[in-house]
Each structure stands twice: as structure tokens, then as C-alpha cells.
Amino acid sequence: MTTHLRHVDPHRKPSAFARGYAAMAATRWATFVSRHVNWYLDPLLLRLSGGRFASTLVFPAALLETRGARSGALRRNAVIYFHDGDRVVVVASNAGAARHPAWFHNLRAHPEVSLAGRPMRATVVADEAEQARLWPLADNVFPAFSRYRTAAARIGRTIPIVRLEPAS
């Protein structure tokens, strides 16, 4: 089922409310709620609202469907995204935690995914120059990403950037 996927321009400056919401989202309390409530609730909210509503409120979220790396079972996760030309970019931040999110391992094992019901092929951005170009765009879309990167770096993890291209 294809749902709403609005075009997200990563060059558009976030509103003062969005910047404030992102600052709150990076707090310890909000990160806890996100990991223990929102990550389970958002896939349901996105499905029920046709892709129009998630706990991210002002930040663009979509339902990413992957296949389990070992099981092959369908997995659904809400991700924040933005557009880069005809491609969509997602960040495997896991809120700066020590491990990559499960969906990241799944798409590496099975790169044929769907975003908001659209078939896509996932590739991890490995080129450092391309990562350097994409990080400011990601930070502009969701300012908490920079805090998550700092937290992950303190524990020795590099947060991956994933590019989704429409499946041919």
C-alpha cells in the first residue's frame, strides 16, 4: 500500500518550533521515550494515517519496510528522511546509541526495501566526500542528528547514511 510521501527539501531552513522540538528530542528523557515508545508506536501511526502522522510531528517520517536479515520476515520502522534529487536519504542514527538500528542490518542483508510503499534499493553511502556533503543537509532537516553523531562518536560508532533509489 502506497502512502503519503511528501517531498522534503533539505535546503529549507527549519522553523524555530522545529529547532526547539529537535533540541527537546535530543534530551535523555525524550531519547528514552523515543526508544521505548515511539519506535513501536510510529509504524502503527504511519500506517493508520496513510503516512501523514508520526510522533516526529514537524519532521518528515515515512514507513521503511525491510526484510529481516536472518528471518526474511517483513519489518516496519519509521524513519526521518529527505530528498536528494530523485533519491531519498535516511540516517541510521538510532538516537546516537552504541548499535546501529536493526533496520540498517536488515537493508544491508536485503537492499530491496520500500519506503511509504514505494519499491526502493538501499545503498550505504561509503564515500567520505559524499557523506560530508549529506551531513549538513541531514542536520538541517533534523537538527538532533548532530547531537546523535556526537554521542555515537564518544562510544566509537559512526552513524551511517543510507541512500534509497527507486527500484527499476
Protein backbone atom coordinates (compact mmCIF):
# COMPACT_ATOMS: atom_id res chain seq x y z
CA MET A 1 0.00 0.00 0.00
CA THR A 2 1.49 3.32 -1.08
CA THR A 3 1.08 6.13 1.43
CA HIS A 4 1.82 9.82 1.60
CA LEU A 5 5.48 10.75 1.00
CA ARG A 6 5.96 14.48 0.80
CA HIS A 7 8.97 15.95 -0.94
CA VAL A 8 11.47 17.16 1.66
CA ASP A 9 13.86 19.89 0.57
CA PRO A 10 16.94 19.60 2.81
CA HIS A 11 17.96 23.18 1.99
CA ARG A 12 14.84 24.66 3.58
CA LYS A 13 15.59 26.17 6.96
CA PRO A 14 13.63 24.54 9.82
CA SER A 15 11.25 26.76 11.77
CA ALA A 16 12.03 27.97 15.28
CA PHE A 17 9.48 25.44 16.57
CA ALA A 18 11.20 22.63 14.66
CA ARG A 19 14.61 23.61 16.04
CA GLY A 20 13.17 23.70 19.56
CA TYR A 21 11.44 20.35 19.08
CA ALA A 22 14.71 18.84 17.80
CA ALA A 23 16.57 20.17 20.86
CA MET A 24 13.95 18.54 23.09
CA ALA A 25 14.14 15.32 21.05
CA ALA A 26 17.86 15.04 21.81
CA THR A 27 17.38 15.14 25.59
CA ARG A 28 17.92 12.00 27.66
CA TRP A 29 14.23 11.79 28.59
CA ALA A 30 12.98 12.21 25.01
CA THR A 31 15.52 9.69 23.71
CA PHE A 32 14.28 7.18 26.27
CA VAL A 33 10.65 7.75 25.24
CA SER A 34 11.62 7.54 21.58
CA ARG A 35 13.41 4.19 22.01
CA HIS A 36 10.82 2.59 24.29
CA VAL A 37 7.54 4.01 22.97
CA ASN A 38 7.76 5.98 19.72
CA TRP A 39 9.79 3.43 17.75
CA TYR A 40 6.98 0.94 18.34
CA LEU A 41 4.12 3.41 18.00
CA ASP A 42 5.24 5.32 14.88
CA PRO A 43 4.95 2.45 12.36
CA LEU A 44 1.36 1.96 13.51
CA LEU A 45 0.59 5.70 13.40
CA LEU A 46 2.06 5.99 9.90
CA ARG A 47 0.04 3.02 8.63
CA LEU A 48 -3.22 4.23 10.20
CA SER A 49 -2.79 7.81 8.98
CA GLY A 50 -1.72 6.90 5.46
CA GLY A 51 1.80 8.20 6.14
CA ARG A 52 0.66 11.61 7.38
CA PHE A 53 1.29 11.39 11.13
CA ALA A 54 4.06 10.18 13.45
CA SER A 55 5.45 11.30 16.79
CA THR A 56 8.11 13.26 14.90
CA LEU A 57 5.36 15.85 14.27
CA VAL A 58 7.18 18.55 12.29
CA PHE A 59 9.89 16.27 10.90
CA PRO A 60 9.25 14.13 7.82
CA ALA A 61 8.81 10.46 8.69
CA ALA A 62 7.92 7.53 6.49
CA LEU A 63 7.46 3.81 6.90
CA LEU A 64 10.55 1.86 5.85
CA GLU A 65 9.87 -1.80 5.16
CA THR A 66 12.80 -4.21 5.21
CA ARG A 67 13.19 -7.98 5.35
CA GLY A 68 14.79 -9.49 8.46
CA ALA A 69 18.47 -10.18 7.86
CA ARG A 70 18.13 -13.79 9.04
CA SER A 71 14.41 -14.48 9.14
CA GLY A 72 13.35 -12.71 5.96
CA ALA A 73 10.25 -11.55 7.85
CA LEU A 74 8.76 -8.17 6.97
CA ARG A 75 9.88 -5.42 9.37
CA ARG A 76 8.42 -1.91 9.54
CA ASN A 77 10.20 1.09 11.03
CA ALA A 78 9.55 4.81 10.96
CA VAL A 79 12.49 6.84 9.63
CA ILE A 80 13.15 10.54 9.15
CA TYR A 81 14.05 11.22 5.52
CA PHE A 82 14.83 13.90 2.95
CA HIS A 83 15.23 14.08 -0.80
CA ASP A 84 18.48 14.43 -2.70
CA GLY A 85 17.39 14.75 -6.31
CA ASP A 86 15.30 11.68 -7.17
CA ARG A 87 16.84 9.75 -4.27
CA VAL A 88 15.74 9.63 -0.66
CA VAL A 89 18.25 9.77 2.19
CA VAL A 90 17.80 8.23 5.64
CA VAL A 91 20.18 8.24 8.59
CA ALA A 92 20.75 5.14 10.75
CA SER A 93 21.24 7.22 13.89
CA ASN A 94 19.48 5.04 16.48
CA ALA A 95 19.48 8.27 18.53
CA GLY A 96 23.26 8.01 18.96
CA ALA A 97 23.12 4.59 20.67
CA ALA A 98 26.02 2.13 20.67
CA ARG A 99 24.46 -0.06 17.97
CA HIS A 100 23.04 0.56 14.54
CA PRO A 101 19.27 0.19 14.29
CA ALA A 102 18.04 -3.28 13.32
CA TRP A 103 16.57 -1.94 10.08
CA PHE A 104 20.09 -0.95 8.98
CA HIS A 105 21.36 -4.54 9.33
CA ASN A 106 18.26 -5.76 7.52
CA LEU A 107 18.69 -3.49 4.49
CA ARG A 108 22.36 -4.39 4.22
CA ALA A 109 21.37 -8.06 4.00
CA HIS A 110 18.35 -7.35 1.76
CA PRO A 111 18.77 -3.99 -0.04
CA GLU A 112 15.40 -4.23 -1.80
CA VAL A 113 13.18 -2.20 0.56
CA SER A 114 10.13 0.00 0.35
CA LEU A 115 9.57 3.50 1.67
CA ALA A 116 5.94 4.57 2.06
CA GLY A 117 5.05 1.60 -0.14
CA ARG A 118 7.41 2.59 -2.97
CA PRO A 119 9.95 -0.05 -4.01
CA MET A 120 13.50 1.19 -3.45
CA ARG A 121 17.05 -0.10 -3.45
CA ALA A 122 19.19 0.84 -0.44
CA THR A 123 22.89 1.66 -0.58
CA VAL A 124 25.10 2.76 2.28
CA VAL A 125 26.96 5.97 1.42
CA ALA A 126 30.62 4.97 1.85
CA ASP A 127 32.32 7.89 0.09
CA GLU A 128 33.58 10.36 2.72
CA ALA A 129 33.16 13.37 0.42
CA GLU A 130 29.54 12.38 -0.23
CA GLN A 131 28.94 11.88 3.50
CA ALA A 132 30.44 15.33 4.15
CA ARG A 133 28.01 16.80 1.59
CA LEU A 134 24.97 14.98 3.02
CA TRP A 135 25.52 15.59 6.76
CA PRO A 136 24.75 19.33 6.70
CA LEU A 137 21.57 18.55 4.74
CA ALA A 138 20.55 15.87 7.26
CA ASP A 139 21.29 18.23 10.16
CA ASN A 140 19.18 20.91 8.51
CA VAL A 141 16.21 18.53 8.20
CA PHE A 142 16.58 17.16 11.75
CA PRO A 143 18.99 19.21 13.88
CA ALA A 144 19.22 16.48 16.56
CA PHE A 145 21.28 14.35 14.14
CA SER A 146 24.39 16.36 15.02
CA ARG A 147 23.90 15.58 18.75
CA TYR A 148 23.34 11.93 17.91
CA ARG A 149 26.57 11.87 15.86
CA THR A 150 28.50 13.35 18.78
CA ALA A 151 27.03 10.80 21.21
CA ALA A 152 27.79 7.90 18.86
CA ALA A 153 31.35 9.13 18.25
CA ARG A 154 32.01 9.20 22.01
CA ILE A 155 31.35 5.47 22.13
CA GLY A 156 33.17 4.69 18.90
CA ARG A 157 30.28 4.35 16.45
CA THR A 158 30.00 6.11 13.13
CA ILE A 159 26.40 6.75 12.08
CA PRO A 160 25.72 5.52 8.54
CA ILE A 161 23.86 7.43 5.86
CA VAL A 162 21.70 5.37 3.51
CA ARG A 163 20.55 6.38 0.05
CA LEU A 164 17.33 4.92 -1.32
CA GLU A 165 16.85 4.91 -5.08
CA PRO A 166 13.63 3.99 -6.84
CA ALA A 167 13.77 0.32 -7.89
CA SER A 168 13.93 -0.11 -11.62
